[in-house]
């Protein structure tokens, strides 16, 4: 597996997260099982909750009350991270994105078989925001607890979000 990471600064009404980087794992394997099932099992094993199957919404949005993991189980898509006019990425089966609270995301095109497995750290429930966060939203983003574990069981989240690994 290869890991990329980068910070996103505020972009208009999208707050992003100026202190926690987006983390992208590439080349996640299902180790012999269906990749969707493998993502679900890994997320659950590492304490991430509210596991769902779907895609990525086709409008710019973010969450103030939850960090989010998105594991691409099938197909491919072009997503924009950071809000309108920001960074475009082609993501495909085996990619896994860890988005800190505040990170804008939007799907601008996908294959017909595109499937994402998503989840959130325990005790965090995503709000869906399509407008400026206001003071309360910024406060949530700034004070939201860090997850206890990387959703894939690796060390990228601890290393990049806490600097401890």
N, C-alpha and C. Protein backbone atom coordinates (compact mmCIF):
# COMPACT_ATOMS: atom_id res chain seq x y z
N UNK A 1 0.84 -1.19 0.00
CA UNK A 1 0.00 0.00 0.00
C UNK A 1 0.88 1.24 0.00
N UNK A 2 0.42 2.22 -0.71
CA UNK A 2 1.08 3.53 -0.76
C UNK A 2 0.15 4.56 -0.13
N UNK A 3 0.69 5.52 0.61
CA UNK A 3 -0.12 6.53 1.30
C UNK A 3 0.28 7.92 0.83
N UNK A 4 -0.72 8.72 0.41
CA UNK A 4 -0.54 10.14 0.12
C UNK A 4 -1.26 10.94 1.20
N UNK A 5 -0.83 12.17 1.39
CA UNK A 5 -1.53 13.06 2.32
C UNK A 5 -1.27 14.51 1.93
N UNK A 6 -2.21 15.38 2.29
CA UNK A 6 -2.07 16.80 1.98
C UNK A 6 -3.07 17.59 2.82
N UNK A 7 -2.72 18.83 3.09
CA UNK A 7 -3.61 19.74 3.81
C UNK A 7 -4.41 20.56 2.82
N UNK A 8 -5.62 20.92 3.21
CA UNK A 8 -6.46 21.81 2.40
C UNK A 8 -6.81 23.03 3.25
N UNK A 9 -6.64 24.21 2.68
CA UNK A 9 -7.00 25.42 3.41
C UNK A 9 -8.43 25.82 3.08
N UNK A 10 -8.96 26.74 3.84
CA UNK A 10 -10.32 27.24 3.64
C UNK A 10 -10.51 27.63 2.18
N UNK A 11 -11.69 27.34 1.65
CA UNK A 11 -12.00 27.64 0.26
C UNK A 11 -13.41 28.20 0.19
N UNK A 12 -13.56 29.51 0.24
CA UNK A 12 -14.89 30.11 0.21
C UNK A 12 -15.71 29.63 1.40
N UNK A 13 -16.86 29.03 1.14
CA UNK A 13 -17.74 28.56 2.21
C UNK A 13 -17.33 27.21 2.78
N UNK A 14 -16.37 26.52 2.13
CA UNK A 14 -15.92 25.21 2.60
C UNK A 14 -14.75 25.41 3.57
N UNK A 15 -14.92 25.00 4.83
CA UNK A 15 -13.87 25.27 5.81
C UNK A 15 -12.62 24.42 5.63
N UNK A 16 -12.77 23.19 5.11
CA UNK A 16 -11.69 22.21 5.08
C UNK A 16 -11.13 22.05 6.49
N UNK A 17 -9.94 21.51 6.62
CA UNK A 17 -9.36 21.32 7.95
C UNK A 17 -7.91 21.74 7.87
N UNK A 18 -7.58 22.90 8.44
CA UNK A 18 -6.23 23.44 8.27
C UNK A 18 -5.15 22.73 9.09
N UNK A 19 -5.55 21.82 10.01
CA UNK A 19 -4.53 21.16 10.84
C UNK A 19 -4.41 19.66 10.62
N UNK A 20 -5.45 19.01 10.06
CA UNK A 20 -5.41 17.57 9.82
C UNK A 20 -5.42 17.30 8.32
N UNK A 21 -4.44 16.57 7.82
CA UNK A 21 -4.40 16.31 6.38
C UNK A 21 -5.40 15.24 5.94
N UNK A 22 -5.82 15.34 4.69
CA UNK A 22 -6.52 14.25 4.02
C UNK A 22 -5.49 13.14 3.83
N UNK A 23 -5.91 11.89 4.05
CA UNK A 23 -5.04 10.74 3.87
C UNK A 23 -5.67 9.84 2.80
N UNK A 24 -4.86 9.44 1.83
CA UNK A 24 -5.35 8.52 0.79
C UNK A 24 -4.44 7.31 0.73
N UNK A 25 -5.01 6.15 1.06
CA UNK A 25 -4.33 4.88 0.87
C UNK A 25 -4.61 4.41 -0.55
N UNK A 26 -3.59 3.94 -1.25
CA UNK A 26 -3.75 3.36 -2.58
C UNK A 26 -3.37 1.89 -2.52
N UNK A 27 -4.10 1.05 -3.25
CA UNK A 27 -3.74 -0.35 -3.35
C UNK A 27 -4.16 -1.20 -2.17
N UNK A 28 -5.28 -0.86 -1.55
CA UNK A 28 -5.80 -1.69 -0.46
C UNK A 28 -6.32 -2.99 -1.06
N UNK A 29 -5.97 -4.09 -0.46
CA UNK A 29 -6.34 -5.41 -0.97
C UNK A 29 -7.46 -6.01 -0.14
N UNK A 30 -8.26 -6.83 -0.79
CA UNK A 30 -9.32 -7.57 -0.09
C UNK A 30 -8.81 -8.86 0.50
N UNK A 31 -7.53 -9.18 0.28
CA UNK A 31 -6.93 -10.41 0.80
C UNK A 31 -7.79 -11.64 0.53
N UNK A 32 -8.25 -11.77 -0.73
CA UNK A 32 -9.01 -12.94 -1.13
C UNK A 32 -10.50 -12.83 -0.98
N UNK A 33 -11.00 -11.79 -0.30
CA UNK A 33 -12.45 -11.63 -0.18
C UNK A 33 -12.89 -10.42 -0.99
N UNK A 34 -14.19 -10.32 -1.21
CA UNK A 34 -14.76 -9.17 -1.90
C UNK A 34 -14.27 -7.90 -1.21
N UNK A 35 -13.83 -6.92 -2.00
CA UNK A 35 -13.24 -5.70 -1.43
C UNK A 35 -14.25 -4.93 -0.58
N UNK A 36 -15.52 -4.91 -0.97
CA UNK A 36 -16.54 -4.23 -0.16
C UNK A 36 -16.63 -4.89 1.22
N UNK A 37 -16.70 -6.22 1.24
CA UNK A 37 -16.75 -6.94 2.52
C UNK A 37 -15.48 -6.70 3.33
N UNK A 38 -14.34 -6.66 2.64
CA UNK A 38 -13.06 -6.45 3.33
C UNK A 38 -13.00 -5.07 3.98
N UNK A 39 -13.45 -4.03 3.24
CA UNK A 39 -13.48 -2.68 3.84
C UNK A 39 -14.39 -2.67 5.07
N UNK A 40 -15.58 -3.24 4.93
CA UNK A 40 -16.52 -3.26 6.06
C UNK A 40 -15.90 -3.96 7.27
N UNK A 41 -15.26 -5.08 7.04
CA UNK A 41 -14.67 -5.84 8.15
C UNK A 41 -13.52 -5.06 8.80
N UNK A 42 -12.68 -4.43 7.99
CA UNK A 42 -11.56 -3.67 8.55
C UNK A 42 -12.06 -2.46 9.32
N UNK A 43 -13.01 -1.74 8.76
CA UNK A 43 -13.53 -0.57 9.47
C UNK A 43 -14.12 -0.99 10.81
N UNK A 44 -14.93 -2.04 10.81
CA UNK A 44 -15.57 -2.52 12.04
C UNK A 44 -14.52 -3.00 13.04
N UNK A 45 -13.54 -3.75 12.58
CA UNK A 45 -12.50 -4.28 13.45
C UNK A 45 -11.71 -3.16 14.13
N UNK A 46 -11.60 -2.01 13.45
CA UNK A 46 -10.85 -0.89 14.00
C UNK A 46 -11.74 0.16 14.67
N UNK A 47 -13.01 -0.23 14.95
CA UNK A 47 -13.89 0.59 15.76
C UNK A 47 -14.67 1.66 15.04
N UNK A 48 -14.60 1.71 13.71
CA UNK A 48 -15.36 2.72 12.98
C UNK A 48 -16.79 2.23 12.83
N UNK A 49 -17.75 3.15 12.96
CA UNK A 49 -19.18 2.80 13.06
C UNK A 49 -19.99 3.40 11.91
N UNK A 50 -21.29 3.08 11.93
CA UNK A 50 -22.21 3.65 10.94
C UNK A 50 -21.82 3.27 9.52
N UNK A 51 -21.34 2.07 9.34
CA UNK A 51 -20.83 1.63 8.03
C UNK A 51 -21.96 1.60 7.00
N UNK A 52 -21.68 2.14 5.82
CA UNK A 52 -22.69 2.22 4.77
C UNK A 52 -22.06 1.87 3.41
N UNK A 53 -22.92 1.56 2.44
CA UNK A 53 -22.53 1.32 1.04
C UNK A 53 -23.31 2.30 0.15
N UNK A 54 -22.60 2.99 -0.72
CA UNK A 54 -23.24 3.92 -1.64
C UNK A 54 -22.18 4.46 -2.58
N UNK A 55 -22.27 5.74 -2.90
CA UNK A 55 -21.29 6.44 -3.71
C UNK A 55 -20.87 7.68 -2.96
N UNK A 56 -20.50 8.72 -3.71
CA UNK A 56 -20.19 10.03 -3.14
C UNK A 56 -21.15 11.01 -3.79
N UNK A 57 -21.81 11.83 -2.98
CA UNK A 57 -22.80 12.78 -3.53
C UNK A 57 -22.19 13.63 -4.62
N UNK A 58 -23.04 14.03 -5.58
CA UNK A 58 -22.57 14.82 -6.73
C UNK A 58 -22.72 16.32 -6.49
N UNK A 59 -22.66 16.72 -5.25
CA UNK A 59 -22.63 18.15 -4.90
C UNK A 59 -21.60 18.33 -3.78
N UNK A 60 -21.04 19.54 -3.72
CA UNK A 60 -20.02 19.83 -2.72
C UNK A 60 -20.67 19.86 -1.34
N UNK A 61 -20.04 19.16 -0.41
CA UNK A 61 -20.54 19.10 0.96
C UNK A 61 -19.39 18.73 1.89
N UNK A 62 -19.63 18.83 3.17
CA UNK A 62 -18.64 18.46 4.18
C UNK A 62 -19.38 18.15 5.46
N UNK A 63 -18.64 17.68 6.46
CA UNK A 63 -19.23 17.36 7.77
C UNK A 63 -18.45 18.11 8.85
N UNK A 64 -19.15 18.71 9.80
CA UNK A 64 -18.47 19.38 10.91
C UNK A 64 -18.38 18.47 12.14
N UNK A 65 -19.26 17.47 12.23
CA UNK A 65 -19.37 16.67 13.45
C UNK A 65 -18.83 15.25 13.30
N UNK A 66 -18.10 14.98 12.21
CA UNK A 66 -17.53 13.64 12.03
C UNK A 66 -16.39 13.66 11.02
N UNK A 67 -15.37 12.87 11.32
CA UNK A 67 -14.37 12.51 10.33
C UNK A 67 -15.01 11.38 9.52
N UNK A 68 -14.51 11.12 8.32
CA UNK A 68 -15.15 10.11 7.47
C UNK A 68 -14.09 9.31 6.72
N UNK A 69 -14.34 8.01 6.57
CA UNK A 69 -13.50 7.17 5.73
C UNK A 69 -14.35 6.71 4.54
N UNK A 70 -13.74 6.69 3.35
CA UNK A 70 -14.39 6.26 2.13
C UNK A 70 -13.49 5.24 1.45
N UNK A 71 -13.91 3.99 1.43
CA UNK A 71 -13.14 2.93 0.77
C UNK A 71 -13.80 2.60 -0.56
N UNK A 72 -13.05 2.72 -1.65
CA UNK A 72 -13.60 2.44 -2.98
C UNK A 72 -13.52 0.92 -3.21
N UNK A 73 -14.68 0.30 -3.27
CA UNK A 73 -14.76 -1.16 -3.39
C UNK A 73 -14.86 -1.62 -4.84
N UNK A 74 -15.49 -0.82 -5.69
CA UNK A 74 -15.63 -1.16 -7.11
C UNK A 74 -15.65 0.11 -7.95
N UNK A 75 -15.19 -0.04 -9.18
CA UNK A 75 -15.30 1.05 -10.14
C UNK A 75 -14.31 2.17 -9.90
N UNK A 76 -14.67 3.33 -10.45
CA UNK A 76 -13.80 4.51 -10.34
C UNK A 76 -14.66 5.76 -10.39
N UNK A 77 -14.10 6.87 -9.94
CA UNK A 77 -14.79 8.15 -9.98
C UNK A 77 -13.78 9.28 -9.96
N UNK A 78 -14.22 10.42 -10.44
CA UNK A 78 -13.45 11.65 -10.27
C UNK A 78 -14.14 12.42 -9.16
N UNK A 79 -13.38 12.73 -8.13
CA UNK A 79 -13.91 13.50 -7.01
C UNK A 79 -13.12 14.80 -6.88
N UNK A 80 -13.79 15.81 -6.36
CA UNK A 80 -13.14 17.07 -6.04
C UNK A 80 -13.07 17.14 -4.52
N UNK A 81 -11.87 17.35 -4.01
CA UNK A 81 -11.67 17.53 -2.58
C UNK A 81 -11.28 18.97 -2.31
N UNK A 82 -11.89 19.57 -1.29
CA UNK A 82 -11.55 20.94 -0.92
C UNK A 82 -12.58 21.97 -1.30
N UNK A 83 -13.63 21.58 -2.01
CA UNK A 83 -14.68 22.52 -2.40
C UNK A 83 -14.55 22.91 -3.86
N UNK A 84 -15.49 23.74 -4.34
CA UNK A 84 -15.52 24.12 -5.75
C UNK A 84 -14.18 24.66 -6.25
N UNK A 85 -13.75 24.14 -7.40
CA UNK A 85 -12.52 24.62 -8.03
C UNK A 85 -11.24 24.08 -7.42
N UNK A 86 -11.32 23.15 -6.50
CA UNK A 86 -10.11 22.64 -5.84
C UNK A 86 -9.60 21.37 -6.51
N UNK A 87 -8.98 20.49 -5.75
CA UNK A 87 -8.21 19.37 -6.28
C UNK A 87 -9.09 18.22 -6.77
N UNK A 88 -8.90 17.85 -8.05
CA UNK A 88 -9.60 16.70 -8.64
C UNK A 88 -8.73 15.47 -8.54
N UNK A 89 -9.37 14.36 -8.20
CA UNK A 89 -8.68 13.08 -8.09
C UNK A 89 -9.47 12.01 -8.80
N UNK A 90 -8.77 11.12 -9.48
CA UNK A 90 -9.38 9.90 -10.00
C UNK A 90 -9.14 8.84 -8.93
N UNK A 91 -10.22 8.33 -8.36
CA UNK A 91 -10.10 7.28 -7.35
C UNK A 91 -10.69 6.00 -7.93
N UNK A 92 -10.13 4.88 -7.52
CA UNK A 92 -10.60 3.60 -8.07
C UNK A 92 -10.52 2.51 -7.01
N UNK A 93 -11.06 1.34 -7.35
CA UNK A 93 -11.11 0.23 -6.42
C UNK A 93 -9.75 0.03 -5.76
N UNK A 94 -9.76 -0.07 -4.44
CA UNK A 94 -8.54 -0.21 -3.66
C UNK A 94 -8.02 1.08 -3.06
N UNK A 95 -8.63 2.21 -3.42
CA UNK A 95 -8.28 3.49 -2.79
C UNK A 95 -9.14 3.69 -1.54
N UNK A 96 -8.57 4.32 -0.53
CA UNK A 96 -9.30 4.58 0.71
C UNK A 96 -8.94 5.98 1.18
N UNK A 97 -9.94 6.85 1.29
CA UNK A 97 -9.74 8.23 1.70
C UNK A 97 -10.17 8.43 3.14
N UNK A 98 -9.34 9.07 3.94
CA UNK A 98 -9.71 9.46 5.29
C UNK A 98 -9.83 10.98 5.27
N UNK A 99 -11.05 11.47 5.45
CA UNK A 99 -11.33 12.90 5.36
C UNK A 99 -11.55 13.47 6.75
N UNK A 100 -10.70 14.40 7.18
CA UNK A 100 -10.96 15.05 8.46
C UNK A 100 -12.20 15.93 8.37
N UNK A 101 -12.86 16.13 9.49
CA UNK A 101 -14.04 16.99 9.53
C UNK A 101 -13.74 18.32 8.84
N UNK A 102 -14.71 18.80 8.07
CA UNK A 102 -14.57 20.07 7.36
C UNK A 102 -14.13 19.93 5.92
N UNK A 103 -13.67 18.74 5.52
CA UNK A 103 -13.14 18.54 4.17
C UNK A 103 -14.26 18.47 3.15
N UNK A 104 -14.27 19.40 2.22
CA UNK A 104 -15.24 19.38 1.14
C UNK A 104 -14.99 18.22 0.21
N UNK A 105 -16.08 17.59 -0.26
CA UNK A 105 -15.94 16.50 -1.23
C UNK A 105 -17.18 16.44 -2.11
N UNK A 106 -16.95 16.00 -3.37
CA UNK A 106 -18.01 15.96 -4.38
C UNK A 106 -17.57 15.03 -5.50
N UNK A 107 -18.49 14.20 -5.98
CA UNK A 107 -18.23 13.33 -7.12
C UNK A 107 -18.68 14.07 -8.38
N UNK A 108 -17.78 14.18 -9.37
CA UNK A 108 -18.16 14.86 -10.61
C UNK A 108 -18.31 13.88 -11.78
N UNK A 109 -18.09 12.61 -11.54
CA UNK A 109 -18.29 11.60 -12.56
C UNK A 109 -17.84 10.25 -12.04
N UNK A 110 -18.57 9.19 -12.41
CA UNK A 110 -18.23 7.86 -11.89
C UNK A 110 -18.64 6.78 -12.88
N UNK A 111 -17.97 5.64 -12.77
CA UNK A 111 -18.37 4.47 -13.54
C UNK A 111 -19.69 3.94 -12.99
N UNK A 112 -20.40 3.18 -13.81
CA UNK A 112 -21.72 2.70 -13.39
C UNK A 112 -21.64 1.72 -12.23
N UNK A 113 -20.49 1.11 -12.01
CA UNK A 113 -20.35 0.15 -10.91
C UNK A 113 -19.66 0.73 -9.68
N UNK A 114 -19.47 2.05 -9.64
CA UNK A 114 -18.77 2.71 -8.54
C UNK A 114 -19.46 2.41 -7.21
N UNK A 115 -18.71 1.89 -6.25
CA UNK A 115 -19.24 1.57 -4.93
C UNK A 115 -18.24 1.98 -3.86
N UNK A 116 -18.73 2.73 -2.89
CA UNK A 116 -17.93 3.20 -1.77
C UNK A 116 -18.47 2.59 -0.48
N UNK A 117 -17.56 2.22 0.41
CA UNK A 117 -17.91 1.82 1.76
C UNK A 117 -17.46 2.96 2.66
N UNK A 118 -18.37 3.49 3.45
CA UNK A 118 -18.04 4.62 4.32
C UNK A 118 -18.28 4.28 5.77
N UNK A 119 -17.66 5.07 6.66
CA UNK A 119 -17.84 4.89 8.10
C UNK A 119 -17.31 6.12 8.84
N UNK A 120 -17.57 6.14 10.15
CA UNK A 120 -17.21 7.27 11.02
C UNK A 120 -16.66 6.74 12.34
N UNK A 121 -15.82 7.53 13.00
CA UNK A 121 -15.36 7.11 14.32
C UNK A 121 -16.53 6.97 15.30
N UNK A 122 -16.38 6.13 16.32
CA UNK A 122 -17.47 5.95 17.29
C UNK A 122 -17.85 7.28 17.95
N UNK A 123 -19.16 7.45 18.15
CA UNK A 123 -19.66 8.66 18.80
C UNK A 123 -19.76 9.87 17.90
N UNK A 124 -19.39 9.73 16.63
CA UNK A 124 -19.48 10.86 15.70
C UNK A 124 -20.57 10.59 14.69
N UNK A 125 -21.43 11.57 14.50
CA UNK A 125 -22.54 11.45 13.56
C UNK A 125 -22.44 12.58 12.55
N UNK A 126 -22.35 12.24 11.27
CA UNK A 126 -22.12 13.28 10.27
C UNK A 126 -23.33 14.17 10.05
N UNK A 127 -23.09 15.44 10.10
CA UNK A 127 -24.07 16.40 9.61
C UNK A 127 -23.70 16.63 8.15
N UNK A 128 -24.62 17.00 7.33
CA UNK A 128 -24.33 17.24 5.92
C UNK A 128 -24.46 18.74 5.68
N UNK A 129 -23.32 19.37 5.39
CA UNK A 129 -23.30 20.82 5.24
C UNK A 129 -23.01 21.21 3.80
N UNK A 130 -23.85 22.14 3.28
CA UNK A 130 -23.68 22.65 1.92
C UNK A 130 -23.57 24.18 1.93
N UNK A 131 -23.23 24.71 3.11
CA UNK A 131 -23.09 26.16 3.26
C UNK A 131 -22.01 26.43 4.30
N UNK A 132 -21.73 27.71 4.54
CA UNK A 132 -20.68 28.08 5.48
C UNK A 132 -20.99 27.53 6.88
N UNK A 133 -19.97 27.13 7.62
CA UNK A 133 -20.19 26.48 8.90
C UNK A 133 -20.59 27.40 10.05
N UNK A 134 -20.29 28.69 9.95
CA UNK A 134 -20.54 29.59 11.07
C UNK A 134 -19.60 29.27 12.23
N UNK A 135 -19.70 30.04 13.29
CA UNK A 135 -18.80 29.86 14.44
C UNK A 135 -18.98 28.51 15.09
N UNK A 136 -20.23 28.05 15.22
CA UNK A 136 -20.48 26.76 15.87
C UNK A 136 -19.85 25.62 15.06
N UNK A 137 -20.00 25.65 13.75
CA UNK A 137 -19.42 24.61 12.90
C UNK A 137 -17.90 24.58 12.98
N UNK A 138 -17.28 25.75 12.97
CA UNK A 138 -15.82 25.83 13.10
C UNK A 138 -15.39 25.27 14.45
N UNK A 139 -16.15 25.58 15.49
CA UNK A 139 -15.84 25.04 16.83
C UNK A 139 -15.90 23.52 16.83
N UNK A 140 -16.94 22.94 16.22
CA UNK A 140 -17.03 21.47 16.13
C UNK A 140 -15.81 20.89 15.42
N UNK A 141 -15.44 21.46 14.28
CA UNK A 141 -14.30 20.97 13.51
C UNK A 141 -13.03 21.03 14.35
N UNK A 142 -12.83 22.15 15.02
CA UNK A 142 -11.60 22.36 15.80
C UNK A 142 -11.51 21.48 17.05
N UNK A 143 -12.64 21.07 17.60
CA UNK A 143 -12.62 20.33 18.87
C UNK A 143 -13.04 18.87 18.74
N UNK A 144 -13.35 18.43 17.54
CA UNK A 144 -13.79 17.05 17.34
C UNK A 144 -12.68 16.09 17.75
N UNK A 145 -12.98 15.10 18.59
CA UNK A 145 -11.93 14.16 19.00
C UNK A 145 -11.37 13.38 17.82
N UNK A 146 -10.09 13.04 17.94
CA UNK A 146 -9.45 12.21 16.92
C UNK A 146 -9.89 10.77 17.12
N UNK A 147 -9.96 10.01 16.04
CA UNK A 147 -10.31 8.58 16.17
C UNK A 147 -9.26 7.85 16.99
N UNK A 148 -9.68 6.77 17.66
CA UNK A 148 -8.75 5.96 18.43
C UNK A 148 -7.87 5.10 17.53
N UNK A 149 -8.34 4.80 16.32
CA UNK A 149 -7.60 3.91 15.44
C UNK A 149 -7.79 4.29 13.98
N UNK A 150 -6.78 4.00 13.19
CA UNK A 150 -6.86 4.13 11.74
C UNK A 150 -7.91 3.13 11.26
N UNK A 151 -8.80 3.51 10.35
CA UNK A 151 -9.86 2.59 9.93
C UNK A 151 -9.35 1.34 9.23
N UNK A 152 -8.14 1.38 8.68
CA UNK A 152 -7.56 0.21 8.02
C UNK A 152 -6.61 -0.55 8.95
N UNK A 153 -6.36 -0.01 10.14
CA UNK A 153 -5.46 -0.66 11.07
C UNK A 153 -4.00 -0.31 10.84
N UNK A 154 -3.74 0.61 9.95
CA UNK A 154 -2.36 1.04 9.69
C UNK A 154 -1.92 2.11 10.67
N UNK A 155 -0.81 2.76 10.34
CA UNK A 155 -0.31 3.81 11.23
C UNK A 155 -0.41 5.21 10.63
N UNK A 156 -0.96 5.32 9.42
CA UNK A 156 -0.99 6.63 8.75
C UNK A 156 -1.77 7.67 9.55
N UNK A 157 -2.93 7.29 10.05
CA UNK A 157 -3.73 8.27 10.78
C UNK A 157 -3.00 8.75 12.03
N UNK A 158 -2.47 7.83 12.82
CA UNK A 158 -1.75 8.24 14.02
C UNK A 158 -0.51 9.07 13.67
N UNK A 159 0.23 8.64 12.69
CA UNK A 159 1.45 9.32 12.29
C UNK A 159 1.17 10.73 11.76
N UNK A 160 0.12 10.85 10.94
CA UNK A 160 -0.13 12.13 10.28
C UNK A 160 -1.06 13.04 11.05
N UNK A 161 -1.92 12.50 11.92
CA UNK A 161 -2.83 13.35 12.67
C UNK A 161 -2.34 13.64 14.09
N UNK A 162 -1.49 12.80 14.64
CA UNK A 162 -1.00 13.05 16.00
C UNK A 162 0.52 13.22 16.04
N UNK A 163 1.21 12.72 15.01
CA UNK A 163 2.66 12.80 14.97
C UNK A 163 3.35 11.84 15.92
N UNK A 164 2.62 10.83 16.41
CA UNK A 164 3.18 9.92 17.42
C UNK A 164 3.84 8.67 16.85
N UNK A 165 3.40 8.18 15.73
CA UNK A 165 3.91 6.88 15.26
C UNK A 165 5.32 6.99 14.70
